[in-house]
Amino acid sequence: MNEIVKPTSLQSTKFDISEADFPLFVVLWNQRMGLRTPQIHLKMARWLEWNWTRKNTRLLLMAFRSAGKSTITGLFSAWLLYRKADLRILVLAADFTLAKKMVRNVRRIIERHPLTTKMKPENADQWASDRFTVKRTFEARDPSMMAKGITANITGSRADIVICDDVEVPNTCDSAEKRRELRERLGEMEYVLVPGGTKIYVGTPHNYHTIYADEPRTQLGEEKEFLNGFERLKIPILDEKGQSAWIERYSEADIAGMKRAAGPNKFASQMMLQPVNIAEGRLNPDLLRHYDEPLDYCKELQTLFLGQTKMVSVSAFWDPAFGAAKGDHSVMAVIFSDAEGNFYLHHIEYIRTDAGNEQDEATQQCRIVSQIAKNHYLPAMTVETNGIGRFLPGILRNELARAKAPCGVQETSQSRAKDLRILEAFDAVLAARRLHIHKSILRTPFMTEMREWRPESNKGHDDGLDAVAGALSQAPDRLPRLYGRGGHNWMKSARTHKADTDFRV
C-alpha cells in the first residue's frame, strides 16, 4: 500500500521515536519530501533491516537501473547511524565522484530527516561532502562516513561497514585485465573491514564475467562465485510473470520502448540483471554445442571415436607468438570432424613457457605442440609462418621426431585481415550449430574472447579465435550431398539426350 502525508502536516509534528525501524524511517523521509513510498522500496528496506538484525554481514542488492537502490542504501546508512552513531561506513564506487554522491546524499538526509537533525556536529570541518562525522560517544580517526573511488588508496582506513555502490561499470570491467584488477581491489576490503564487519554490494551486472554472478566463472579460474556466501536480493524490472516491478513508474509500454532503445544485451544486463556483455558481440557462444566425451583410438579398426561418434578427419592449426604476457598469445587448436559435417573443437592450448628453463622459448613451445600432436593422433598440422613463425617448422619437425609423433608440418602465411578470417570461419558453422566444443575449453580464455570479440576493435585478445578459425579453414566440408535426390526435377531440359537419326551428315 503506498503511503503519503502532506508536507504541511509535518511542519507542526514532533517526533520522539527513539528506535524507528528502517521501513518507517524511509516512509518518514519520503513524507518530508512529499513523495510516495513504492512497494519496491519497502521491499528493499525490509530485506536490508531483516539481514541487519540477524547479523548477516554479506549482502548483495541487485535491482534494475533507476530502481532507487542507491537511494535506499543511502537511507539505510543514515538509519544505521541513527541507531548506532559510533559506526564507521566506507563507500566505494567505480570513481570518487559517484562515491561522494552517496555520502553527500546521506549528509543531506541527516540534516533534514525528522529523526536525525540533532546528529549534525557543531564543527563545520566534520561536515564535508566526501566525509562527515555525526555526534558520537567516542573519538575515532575515521569519520562516520567516507567516500573513496575503487582505485584509491584505502590503506590504514578502518570501517564497520563497507558499501560497494556500482563498483562494476564498463570502465572497470570491459577487459580481462580490468576485471582482474577490480577483483584484486575488492579483495583489499578485508584489510579495511573490522572483524565481524558488514559488506554490502549494490549494483547491476555489466559483463558475463560479472562479480555479481551466482555461478563461478571457470574461465577466470574461479571454483566459487566471487560473492560466494552472500545473501542476495535480485529485482529485475519484469518479474517471473512478466509484470512490471514498479508499475507506478514503468508501464508495459515504457518497458517495451526501453528494450527497443537499449537493445537486447543492454536491456538483459541492466534491466533484467542477466550476466551478459552490454556491448553486442559479433559471435554468439550460445550457438555452440558442448560435449564431454574423451578421444578414443581403436587400434584394431584404426579409427578415432568421440564417444560413439566416428571421426573422419582432423585439422590442427598453430598460431605462434612469443612474450604472451606483453602481446599476443601462442595458441594451438585441434578440431575433429565427423561424416555428417559436424566439427568438434576438442583441444585449445594457450602455450606457456618457463622462463627459468634452460631451453629457449621456441624449443619449449615446439615440445608442447609435439606432445599435443602425439596425444591427439594428428597426421598433420598447419603452422602460421608470419613473423616469428618462419623458423619454427624446422624446430617443430625435430621435436615431433624426438617425441615419436608421426605428424607432418604444413606452413602457411596469412595475408588477409584477421577479422575477415574469423568471420568467414565462424559465421556459417555457428548459424548451422555445427560447432561442438569440449567442456575443458570452457576453462580457457577462448570463451571470453568469443563473447567480447567485435570486428575492427583493438580491445582484448583474439588469438584463440584466430587459431580456431585457422583450423576450421583447413577442415574439409563434409555436408551430405543431396543433389538430384528429389522427385521434382523441373530442369529436365538440362539433361543430356541422344537422339536416333536416319540420315547422314
Protein backbone atom coordinates (compact mmCIF):
# COMPACT_ATOMS: atom_id res chain seq x y z
CA MET A 1 0.00 0.00 0.00
CA ASN A 2 1.52 3.37 -0.98
CA GLU A 3 1.68 5.91 1.81
CA ILE A 4 1.75 9.70 1.66
CA VAL A 5 1.46 12.52 4.18
CA LYS A 6 1.06 16.15 3.16
CA PRO A 7 4.23 18.17 3.81
CA THR A 8 2.25 20.89 5.62
CA SER A 9 1.22 18.44 8.35
CA LEU A 10 4.86 17.53 9.02
CA GLN A 11 5.89 21.06 9.86
CA SER A 12 3.93 21.02 13.11
CA THR A 13 4.56 17.38 14.00
CA LYS A 14 7.07 16.44 16.74
CA PHE A 15 8.70 13.02 16.70
CA ASP A 16 10.09 11.32 19.79
CA ILE A 17 10.57 7.89 18.19
CA SER A 18 13.84 6.61 19.59
CA GLU A 19 14.14 3.35 17.67
CA ALA A 20 12.16 3.55 14.44
CA ASP A 21 12.53 0.57 12.13
CA PHE A 22 14.00 1.12 8.71
CA PRO A 23 10.79 0.96 6.62
CA LEU A 24 9.28 3.64 8.86
CA PHE A 25 12.49 5.67 8.54
CA VAL A 26 12.11 5.52 4.72
CA VAL A 27 8.42 6.45 4.83
CA LEU A 28 9.07 9.44 7.08
CA TRP A 29 11.77 10.70 4.75
CA ASN A 30 9.54 10.37 1.70
CA GLN A 31 6.75 12.18 3.53
CA ARG A 32 9.14 15.01 4.32
CA MET A 33 10.00 15.16 0.60
CA GLY A 34 6.31 14.99 -0.38
CA LEU A 35 6.81 11.62 -2.10
CA ARG A 36 5.03 8.30 -2.04
CA THR A 37 6.86 5.18 -0.90
CA PRO A 38 6.54 2.50 -3.59
CA GLN A 39 6.36 -1.17 -2.68
CA ILE A 40 9.67 -1.88 -4.39
CA HIS A 41 11.44 0.47 -1.94
CA LEU A 42 9.69 -1.07 1.05
CA LYS A 43 10.78 -4.49 -0.19
CA MET A 44 14.42 -3.36 -0.27
CA ALA A 45 14.09 -1.70 3.14
CA ARG A 46 12.59 -4.76 4.81
CA TRP A 47 15.25 -7.00 3.29
CA LEU A 48 18.12 -4.78 4.47
CA GLU A 49 16.76 -4.48 8.01
CA TRP A 50 15.94 -8.20 8.22
CA ASN A 51 19.52 -9.14 7.37
CA TRP A 52 21.00 -6.47 9.65
CA THR A 53 19.00 -7.59 12.68
CA ARG A 54 20.04 -11.21 12.04
CA LYS A 55 23.70 -10.20 11.75
CA ASN A 56 24.04 -11.34 8.13
CA THR A 57 27.21 -9.49 7.18
CA ARG A 58 27.49 -10.31 3.47
CA LEU A 59 24.74 -8.71 1.34
CA LEU A 60 24.14 -8.17 -2.37
CA LEU A 61 21.33 -5.88 -3.54
CA MET A 62 20.73 -6.06 -7.28
CA ALA A 63 17.94 -4.09 -8.88
CA PHE A 64 17.33 -2.68 -12.34
CA ARG A 65 18.65 0.72 -13.37
CA SER A 66 16.84 3.69 -11.80
CA ALA A 67 15.09 1.43 -9.29
CA GLY A 68 16.34 3.61 -6.42
CA LYS A 69 18.69 1.02 -4.91
CA SER A 70 21.44 3.57 -4.18
CA THR A 71 18.86 5.94 -2.66
CA ILE A 72 17.58 3.21 -0.35
CA THR A 73 21.15 2.21 0.55
CA GLY A 74 21.90 5.84 1.41
CA LEU A 75 18.83 5.98 3.65
CA PHE A 76 19.97 2.70 5.20
CA SER A 77 23.33 4.29 6.04
CA ALA A 78 21.59 7.23 7.70
CA TRP A 79 19.33 4.82 9.62
CA LEU A 80 22.33 2.80 10.83
CA LEU A 81 24.00 5.96 12.16
CA TYR A 82 20.68 6.99 13.73
CA ARG A 83 20.54 3.63 15.55
CA LYS A 84 24.26 3.49 16.36
CA ALA A 85 26.18 6.75 15.97
CA ASP A 86 29.60 5.16 16.56
CA LEU A 87 29.56 3.19 13.30
CA ARG A 88 32.12 3.90 10.56
CA ILE A 89 30.90 3.47 6.98
CA LEU A 90 33.13 3.42 3.90
CA VAL A 91 31.54 3.90 0.46
CA LEU A 92 33.43 2.54 -2.54
CA ALA A 93 32.32 3.24 -6.11
CA ALA A 94 33.78 2.97 -9.59
CA ASP A 95 35.04 6.54 -9.25
CA PHE A 96 35.32 9.08 -6.46
CA THR A 97 32.57 11.33 -7.83
CA LEU A 98 29.99 8.53 -7.64
CA ALA A 99 31.02 7.57 -4.10
CA LYS A 100 30.90 11.21 -2.99
CA LYS A 101 27.38 11.48 -4.41
CA MET A 102 26.09 8.87 -1.94
CA VAL A 103 27.93 10.41 1.01
CA ARG A 104 26.59 13.86 0.14
CA ASN A 105 23.08 12.44 -0.08
CA VAL A 106 23.35 10.78 3.34
CA ARG A 107 24.63 14.02 4.84
CA ARG A 108 21.59 15.79 3.39
CA ILE A 109 19.26 13.14 4.85
CA ILE A 110 20.74 13.57 8.32
CA GLU A 111 20.30 17.34 8.08
CA ARG A 112 16.62 17.14 7.09
CA HIS A 113 15.18 13.86 8.37
CA PRO A 114 12.86 14.45 11.34
CA LEU A 115 14.64 11.75 13.38
CA THR A 116 18.27 12.75 12.74
CA THR A 117 18.56 16.54 12.79
CA LYS A 118 20.25 16.51 16.22
CA MET A 119 23.05 14.28 14.92
CA LYS A 120 24.75 17.06 12.98
CA PRO A 121 28.05 18.09 14.62
CA GLU A 122 28.81 21.64 15.68
CA ASN A 123 32.16 21.90 13.90
CA ALA A 124 31.91 22.59 10.15
CA ASP A 125 35.17 20.74 9.42
CA GLN A 126 33.42 17.49 10.37
CA TRP A 127 30.71 18.02 7.76
CA ALA A 128 32.38 17.81 4.33
CA SER A 129 30.81 16.48 1.12
CA ASP A 130 33.11 13.46 0.85
CA ARG A 131 33.29 12.64 4.57
CA PHE A 132 31.43 13.62 7.70
CA THR A 133 31.23 12.71 11.37
CA VAL A 134 28.00 12.77 13.37
CA LYS A 135 27.82 13.39 17.11
CA ARG A 136 29.11 10.21 18.73
CA THR A 137 30.30 8.97 22.08
CA PHE A 138 33.93 8.19 21.24
CA GLU A 139 36.77 9.77 19.33
CA ALA A 140 38.00 7.86 16.28
CA ARG A 141 40.42 8.61 13.49
CA ASP A 142 37.96 7.51 10.80
CA PRO A 143 34.83 9.57 10.10
CA SER A 144 31.26 8.30 10.37
CA MET A 145 31.05 8.07 6.59
CA MET A 146 33.70 8.46 3.90
CA ALA A 147 33.76 8.21 0.07
CA LYS A 148 36.52 6.59 -1.98
CA GLY A 149 36.97 5.51 -5.59
CA ILE A 150 37.78 1.85 -6.15
CA THR A 151 41.32 2.70 -7.28
CA ALA A 152 42.04 4.99 -4.32
CA ASN A 153 44.48 4.11 -1.56
CA ILE A 154 42.48 2.90 1.45
CA THR A 155 45.43 1.53 3.39
CA GLY A 156 45.14 2.50 7.05
CA SER A 157 41.38 3.07 6.95
CA ARG A 158 39.04 1.07 9.18
CA ALA A 159 35.31 0.58 8.74
CA ASP A 160 32.48 -1.31 10.38
CA ILE A 161 30.52 -1.32 7.10
CA VAL A 162 31.79 -1.17 3.52
CA ILE A 163 29.25 -0.30 0.83
CA CYS A 164 30.31 -1.11 -2.74
CA ASP A 165 27.96 1.05 -4.80
CA ASP A 166 28.26 0.39 -8.56
CA VAL A 167 31.90 -0.64 -8.42
CA GLU A 168 31.31 -2.60 -11.64
CA VAL A 169 30.74 -0.30 -14.60
CA PRO A 170 32.04 -0.53 -18.20
CA ASN A 171 35.21 1.38 -17.28
CA THR A 172 36.10 -1.22 -14.64
CA CYS A 173 35.09 -4.44 -16.43
CA ASP A 174 35.33 -4.09 -20.22
CA SER A 175 38.55 -6.13 -20.47
CA ALA A 176 40.04 -9.17 -18.78
CA GLU A 177 42.78 -7.05 -17.21
CA LYS A 178 40.27 -4.59 -15.72
CA ARG A 179 38.11 -7.40 -14.34
CA ARG A 180 41.13 -8.98 -12.70
CA GLU A 181 42.19 -5.64 -11.22
CA LEU A 182 38.66 -4.99 -9.92
CA ARG A 183 38.61 -8.31 -8.09
CA GLU A 184 42.03 -7.61 -6.61
CA ARG A 185 40.98 -4.18 -5.38
CA LEU A 186 37.79 -5.52 -3.84
CA GLY A 187 39.81 -8.20 -2.09
CA GLU A 188 41.66 -5.48 -0.19
CA MET A 189 38.46 -4.65 1.70
CA GLU A 190 39.27 -7.48 4.10
CA TYR A 191 42.12 -5.36 5.47
CA VAL A 192 39.81 -2.38 5.98
CA LEU A 193 36.79 -4.12 7.46
CA VAL A 194 36.87 -4.76 11.21
CA PRO A 195 36.25 -8.35 12.40
CA GLY A 196 32.54 -9.06 12.10
CA GLY A 197 32.04 -6.05 9.81
CA THR A 198 29.44 -5.89 7.05
CA LYS A 199 29.94 -5.75 3.27
CA ILE A 200 27.08 -4.56 1.09
CA TYR A 201 27.27 -4.69 -2.71
CA VAL A 202 24.80 -2.61 -4.71
CA GLY A 203 24.71 -2.69 -8.49
CA THR A 204 23.80 -4.29 -11.81
CA PRO A 205 25.87 -6.66 -13.97
CA HIS A 206 27.76 -5.16 -16.90
CA ASN A 207 29.54 -8.25 -18.21
CA TYR A 208 29.19 -12.00 -18.48
CA HIS A 209 32.11 -12.29 -16.04
CA THR A 210 30.38 -10.01 -13.55
CA ILE A 211 31.36 -10.03 -9.89
CA TYR A 212 27.64 -10.49 -9.13
CA ALA A 213 27.37 -13.86 -10.94
CA ASP A 214 25.65 -16.63 -8.97
CA GLU A 215 27.85 -19.30 -10.60
CA PRO A 216 31.66 -19.47 -10.70
CA ARG A 217 33.33 -18.26 -13.87
CA THR A 218 35.68 -21.15 -14.60
CA GLN A 219 37.36 -19.17 -17.39
CA LEU A 220 38.74 -16.89 -14.65
CA GLY A 221 39.88 -19.83 -12.55
CA GLU A 222 37.03 -19.42 -10.04
CA GLU A 223 35.99 -22.50 -8.09
CA LYS A 224 33.29 -20.49 -6.32
CA GLU A 225 31.40 -17.41 -7.43
CA PHE A 226 33.11 -14.15 -6.42
CA LEU A 227 30.39 -13.25 -3.90
CA ASN A 228 30.04 -16.76 -2.54
CA GLY A 229 28.03 -16.89 0.70
CA PHE A 230 26.31 -13.53 0.17
CA GLU A 231 22.62 -13.04 0.90
CA ARG A 232 21.06 -11.82 -2.35
CA LEU A 233 18.05 -9.71 -3.29
CA LYS A 234 17.51 -9.58 -7.05
CA ILE A 235 14.77 -7.36 -8.50
CA PRO A 236 14.58 -7.31 -12.33
CA ILE A 237 12.19 -4.87 -13.98
CA LEU A 238 9.94 -7.76 -15.05
CA ASP A 239 9.04 -10.48 -12.56
CA GLU A 240 8.59 -14.17 -13.35
CA LYS A 241 5.05 -13.43 -14.55
CA GLY A 242 6.23 -10.70 -16.92
CA GLN A 243 4.76 -7.90 -14.81
CA SER A 244 6.50 -4.61 -14.01
CA ALA A 245 8.30 -4.50 -10.68
CA TRP A 246 7.42 -0.79 -10.35
CA ILE A 247 4.11 -0.44 -12.15
CA GLU A 248 3.53 3.13 -10.91
CA ARG A 249 6.58 4.33 -12.85
CA TYR A 250 7.19 1.77 -15.61
CA SER A 251 4.25 0.52 -17.63
CA GLU A 252 4.47 -2.37 -20.10
CA ALA A 253 4.67 0.16 -22.95
CA ASP A 254 7.50 2.02 -21.18
CA ILE A 255 9.45 -1.21 -20.72
CA ALA A 256 8.92 -2.28 -24.34
CA GLY A 257 10.19 1.10 -25.54
CA MET A 258 13.16 0.86 -23.21
CA LYS A 259 14.04 -2.55 -24.64
CA ARG A 260 13.89 -1.27 -28.21
CA ALA A 261 16.05 1.74 -27.41
CA ALA A 262 18.67 -0.10 -25.35
CA GLY A 263 18.99 -3.26 -27.43
CA PRO A 264 18.62 -6.84 -26.18
CA ASN A 265 22.01 -7.17 -24.48
CA LYS A 266 21.91 -3.92 -22.54
CA PHE A 267 18.29 -4.49 -21.54
CA ALA A 268 19.06 -8.05 -20.37
CA SER A 269 22.05 -6.82 -18.36
CA GLN A 270 20.83 -3.56 -16.84
CA MET A 271 17.11 -4.19 -16.53
CA MET A 272 16.76 -7.98 -16.21
CA LEU A 273 20.05 -8.44 -14.29
CA GLN A 274 21.29 -11.21 -16.57
CA PRO A 275 25.10 -11.52 -16.84
CA VAL A 276 25.74 -10.72 -20.49
CA ASN A 277 28.02 -8.24 -22.20
CA ILE A 278 26.45 -4.81 -22.73
CA ALA A 279 28.46 -4.41 -25.92
CA GLU A 280 26.91 -6.61 -28.57
CA GLY A 281 29.44 -9.27 -29.53
CA ARG A 282 29.61 -10.44 -33.14
CA LEU A 283 29.89 -14.15 -32.26
CA ASN A 284 27.22 -15.86 -30.17
CA PRO A 285 28.65 -18.57 -27.87
CA ASP A 286 25.12 -19.77 -27.10
CA LEU A 287 25.15 -21.39 -30.54
CA LEU A 288 27.95 -23.74 -29.52
CA ARG A 289 27.17 -27.31 -28.54
CA HIS A 290 29.05 -28.86 -25.64
CA TYR A 291 30.30 -32.41 -25.17
CA ASP A 292 32.43 -34.19 -22.58
CA GLU A 293 33.42 -37.46 -24.29
CA PRO A 294 37.14 -38.35 -24.40
CA LEU A 295 39.04 -39.15 -27.57
CA ASP A 296 39.24 -42.93 -28.07
CA TYR A 297 41.55 -44.59 -30.63
CA CYS A 298 40.59 -48.11 -31.72
CA LYS A 299 43.83 -49.71 -32.88
CA GLU A 300 42.14 -52.72 -34.47
CA LEU A 301 39.93 -50.53 -36.67
CA GLN A 302 42.50 -47.74 -36.93
CA THR A 303 39.65 -45.37 -36.14
CA LEU A 304 39.13 -42.46 -33.73
CA PHE A 305 35.90 -42.03 -31.78
CA LEU A 306 34.42 -39.29 -29.62
CA GLY A 307 32.01 -41.31 -27.53
CA GLN A 308 30.05 -43.32 -30.11
CA THR A 309 30.73 -40.88 -32.95
CA LYS A 310 33.30 -41.85 -35.53
CA MET A 311 35.76 -39.14 -36.54
CA VAL A 312 36.74 -38.98 -40.20
CA SER A 313 39.23 -36.10 -40.27
CA VAL A 314 41.17 -33.68 -38.08
CA SER A 315 42.72 -30.27 -38.61
CA ALA A 316 45.18 -28.56 -36.30
CA PHE A 317 46.44 -25.00 -36.50
CA TRP A 318 49.21 -23.31 -34.52
CA ASP A 319 49.43 -19.51 -34.44
CA PRO A 320 52.77 -18.96 -32.64
CA ALA A 321 53.84 -15.91 -30.66
CA PHE A 322 56.48 -15.03 -28.10
CA GLY A 323 56.16 -12.91 -24.96
CA ALA A 324 52.48 -13.66 -24.24
CA ALA A 325 52.48 -11.50 -21.12
CA LYS A 326 53.21 -8.42 -23.25
CA GLY A 327 51.41 -9.16 -26.51
CA ASP A 328 49.75 -11.94 -28.47
CA HIS A 329 49.26 -15.43 -27.12
CA SER A 330 50.72 -18.51 -28.78
CA VAL A 331 47.71 -20.75 -29.42
CA MET A 332 47.15 -24.18 -30.97
CA ALA A 333 43.68 -25.54 -31.84
CA VAL A 334 42.66 -29.11 -32.72
CA ILE A 335 39.35 -29.74 -34.50
CA PHE A 336 37.91 -33.14 -35.44
CA SER A 337 35.00 -33.66 -37.82
CA ASP A 338 32.53 -36.46 -38.47
CA ALA A 339 30.89 -37.74 -41.63
CA GLU A 340 27.80 -35.55 -41.08
CA GLY A 341 29.68 -32.28 -41.35
CA ASN A 342 29.94 -31.51 -37.61
CA PHE A 343 33.10 -30.01 -36.15
CA TYR A 344 34.47 -30.80 -32.68
CA LEU A 345 36.84 -28.30 -31.10
CA HIS A 346 38.48 -30.86 -28.83
CA HIS A 347 41.55 -29.02 -27.59
CA ILE A 348 42.88 -25.47 -27.50
CA GLU A 349 46.23 -24.74 -25.92
CA TYR A 350 47.34 -21.29 -24.78
CA ILE A 351 51.02 -22.14 -24.72
CA ARG A 352 53.00 -21.01 -21.70
CA THR A 353 56.75 -21.46 -21.27
CA ASP A 354 59.03 -21.46 -18.24
CA ALA A 355 61.43 -18.52 -18.15
CA GLY A 356 63.69 -20.49 -15.82
CA ASN A 357 64.01 -23.44 -18.19
CA GLU A 358 67.42 -23.94 -19.79
CA GLN A 359 65.76 -24.50 -23.17
CA ASP A 360 64.97 -21.49 -25.36
CA GLU A 361 61.33 -20.41 -25.66
CA ALA A 362 60.97 -21.63 -29.26
CA THR A 363 62.08 -25.17 -28.38
CA GLN A 364 59.84 -25.24 -25.32
CA GLN A 365 56.82 -24.29 -27.40
CA CYS A 366 57.64 -26.84 -30.12
CA ARG A 367 57.92 -29.58 -27.49
CA ILE A 368 54.50 -28.70 -26.09
CA VAL A 369 52.99 -28.70 -29.57
CA SER A 370 54.61 -32.02 -30.49
CA GLN A 371 53.17 -33.63 -27.37
CA ILE A 372 49.70 -32.34 -28.28
CA ALA A 373 50.13 -33.82 -31.75
CA LYS A 374 51.08 -37.19 -30.28
CA ASN A 375 48.25 -37.23 -27.73
CA HIS A 376 45.65 -36.41 -30.41
CA TYR A 377 46.96 -38.73 -33.14
CA LEU A 378 47.48 -35.86 -35.55
CA PRO A 379 48.62 -36.91 -39.06
CA ALA A 380 49.43 -33.29 -39.91
CA MET A 381 49.22 -29.74 -38.60
CA THR A 382 49.49 -26.24 -40.04
CA VAL A 383 51.83 -23.60 -38.64
CA GLU A 384 51.40 -19.92 -39.42
CA THR A 385 54.78 -18.61 -40.51
CA ASN A 386 54.07 -14.87 -40.49
CA GLY A 387 56.70 -13.02 -38.49
CA ILE A 388 58.40 -15.11 -35.82
CA GLY A 389 56.81 -18.36 -37.03
CA ARG A 390 59.07 -18.51 -40.09
CA PHE A 391 61.85 -20.54 -38.46
CA LEU A 392 59.63 -22.68 -36.19
CA PRO A 393 58.63 -25.51 -38.60
CA GLY A 394 62.18 -26.86 -38.70
CA ILE A 395 62.43 -26.93 -34.90
CA LEU A 396 58.95 -28.46 -34.69
CA ARG A 397 59.82 -31.28 -37.09
CA ASN A 398 62.82 -32.19 -34.94
CA GLU A 399 60.70 -32.19 -31.77
CA LEU A 400 58.00 -34.31 -33.43
CA ALA A 401 60.65 -36.85 -34.37
CA ARG A 402 62.02 -36.76 -30.82
CA ALA A 403 58.50 -37.37 -29.42
CA LYS A 404 57.94 -40.19 -31.98
CA ALA A 405 54.84 -38.42 -33.26
CA PRO A 406 54.26 -39.24 -36.96
CA CYS A 407 52.83 -35.82 -37.79
CA GLY A 408 53.53 -33.75 -40.88
CA VAL A 409 54.02 -29.97 -40.74
CA GLN A 410 52.45 -27.65 -43.27
CA GLU A 411 53.41 -24.00 -43.45
CA THR A 412 51.05 -21.14 -44.26
CA SER A 413 51.37 -17.38 -44.45
CA GLN A 414 48.31 -15.24 -43.74
CA SER A 415 47.79 -12.15 -45.88
CA ARG A 416 44.07 -11.46 -45.39
CA ALA A 417 42.72 -9.39 -42.49
CA LYS A 418 42.25 -11.35 -39.27
CA ASP A 419 38.69 -10.06 -38.77
CA LEU A 420 37.62 -11.45 -42.14
CA ARG A 421 39.24 -14.81 -41.48
CA ILE A 422 37.43 -15.15 -38.16
CA LEU A 423 34.06 -14.10 -39.56
CA GLU A 424 34.26 -16.43 -42.55
CA ALA A 425 35.33 -19.37 -40.40
CA PHE A 426 32.73 -18.98 -37.64
CA ASP A 427 29.60 -17.47 -39.17
CA ALA A 428 28.32 -20.43 -41.15
CA VAL A 429 29.17 -23.19 -38.67
CA LEU A 430 27.66 -21.25 -35.77
CA ALA A 431 24.49 -20.44 -37.69
CA ALA A 432 24.11 -24.13 -38.55
CA ARG A 433 25.05 -25.13 -34.97
CA ARG A 434 27.66 -27.49 -36.33
CA LEU A 435 30.47 -26.46 -33.97
CA HIS A 436 30.83 -28.58 -30.82
CA ILE A 437 33.33 -27.76 -28.07
CA HIS A 438 34.76 -29.96 -25.35
CA LYS A 439 33.84 -28.83 -21.83
CA SER A 440 37.51 -28.37 -20.95
CA ILE A 441 37.54 -25.39 -23.33
CA LEU A 442 35.12 -23.56 -21.02
CA ARG A 443 38.04 -23.12 -18.61
CA THR A 444 40.22 -21.35 -21.18
CA PRO A 445 40.23 -17.72 -22.36
CA PHE A 446 38.57 -18.83 -25.62
CA MET A 447 35.01 -18.29 -24.36
CA THR A 448 35.85 -14.79 -23.13
CA GLU A 449 37.40 -13.94 -26.48
CA MET A 450 34.30 -15.18 -28.25
CA ARG A 451 31.86 -13.23 -26.09
CA GLU A 452 33.79 -9.97 -26.35
CA TRP A 453 35.10 -10.07 -29.91
CA ARG A 454 33.97 -7.30 -32.21
CA PRO A 455 35.35 -6.69 -35.71
CA GLU A 456 37.68 -3.73 -36.10
CA SER A 457 38.10 -3.41 -32.33
CA ASN A 458 41.57 -3.26 -30.82
CA LYS A 459 40.38 -4.18 -27.33
CA GLY A 460 41.18 -7.56 -25.82
CA HIS A 461 42.75 -10.68 -27.29
CA ASP A 462 41.52 -12.76 -30.20
CA ASP A 463 44.41 -15.21 -30.60
CA GLY A 464 42.33 -18.25 -29.67
CA LEU A 465 39.67 -17.23 -32.18
CA ASP A 466 42.33 -16.84 -34.85
CA ALA A 467 43.79 -20.30 -34.19
CA VAL A 468 40.36 -21.96 -34.27
CA ALA A 469 39.48 -20.05 -37.43
CA GLY A 470 42.69 -21.36 -38.98
CA ALA A 471 41.79 -24.94 -38.04
CA LEU A 472 38.25 -24.54 -39.38
CA SER A 473 39.56 -23.19 -42.66
CA GLN A 474 41.72 -26.31 -43.04
CA ALA A 475 38.83 -28.70 -42.31
CA PRO A 476 37.04 -30.24 -45.31
CA ASP A 477 33.35 -29.54 -45.86
CA ARG A 478 31.54 -32.86 -45.39
CA LEU A 479 27.90 -31.80 -45.64
CA PRO A 480 25.83 -34.62 -47.16
CA ARG A 481 25.20 -34.14 -50.90
CA LEU A 482 21.53 -34.37 -51.75
CA TYR A 483 21.63 -33.13 -55.33
CA GLY A 484 19.31 -35.00 -57.71
CA ARG A 485 17.53 -36.96 -54.97
CA GLY A 486 14.27 -35.05 -55.10
CA GLY A 487 11.20 -36.10 -57.05
CA HIS A 488 10.71 -32.68 -58.69
CA ASN A 489 13.23 -32.28 -61.49
CA TRP A 490 12.00 -29.09 -63.09
CA MET A 491 15.21 -28.63 -65.10
CA LYS A 492 14.61 -31.66 -67.41
CA SER A 493 15.92 -29.77 -70.42
CA ALA A 494 19.32 -29.67 -68.78
CA ARG A 495 19.78 -33.43 -69.18
CA THR A 496 21.88 -34.84 -71.99
CA HIS A 497 19.76 -36.67 -74.60
CA LYS A 498 20.93 -38.81 -77.50
CA ALA A 499 18.52 -38.98 -80.42
CA ASP A 500 18.44 -41.64 -83.12
CA THR A 501 18.52 -40.28 -86.67
CA ASP A 502 18.04 -41.99 -90.03
CA PHE A 503 20.07 -39.56 -92.08
CA ARG A 504 23.73 -38.99 -92.54
CA VAL A 505 25.59 -35.70 -92.28
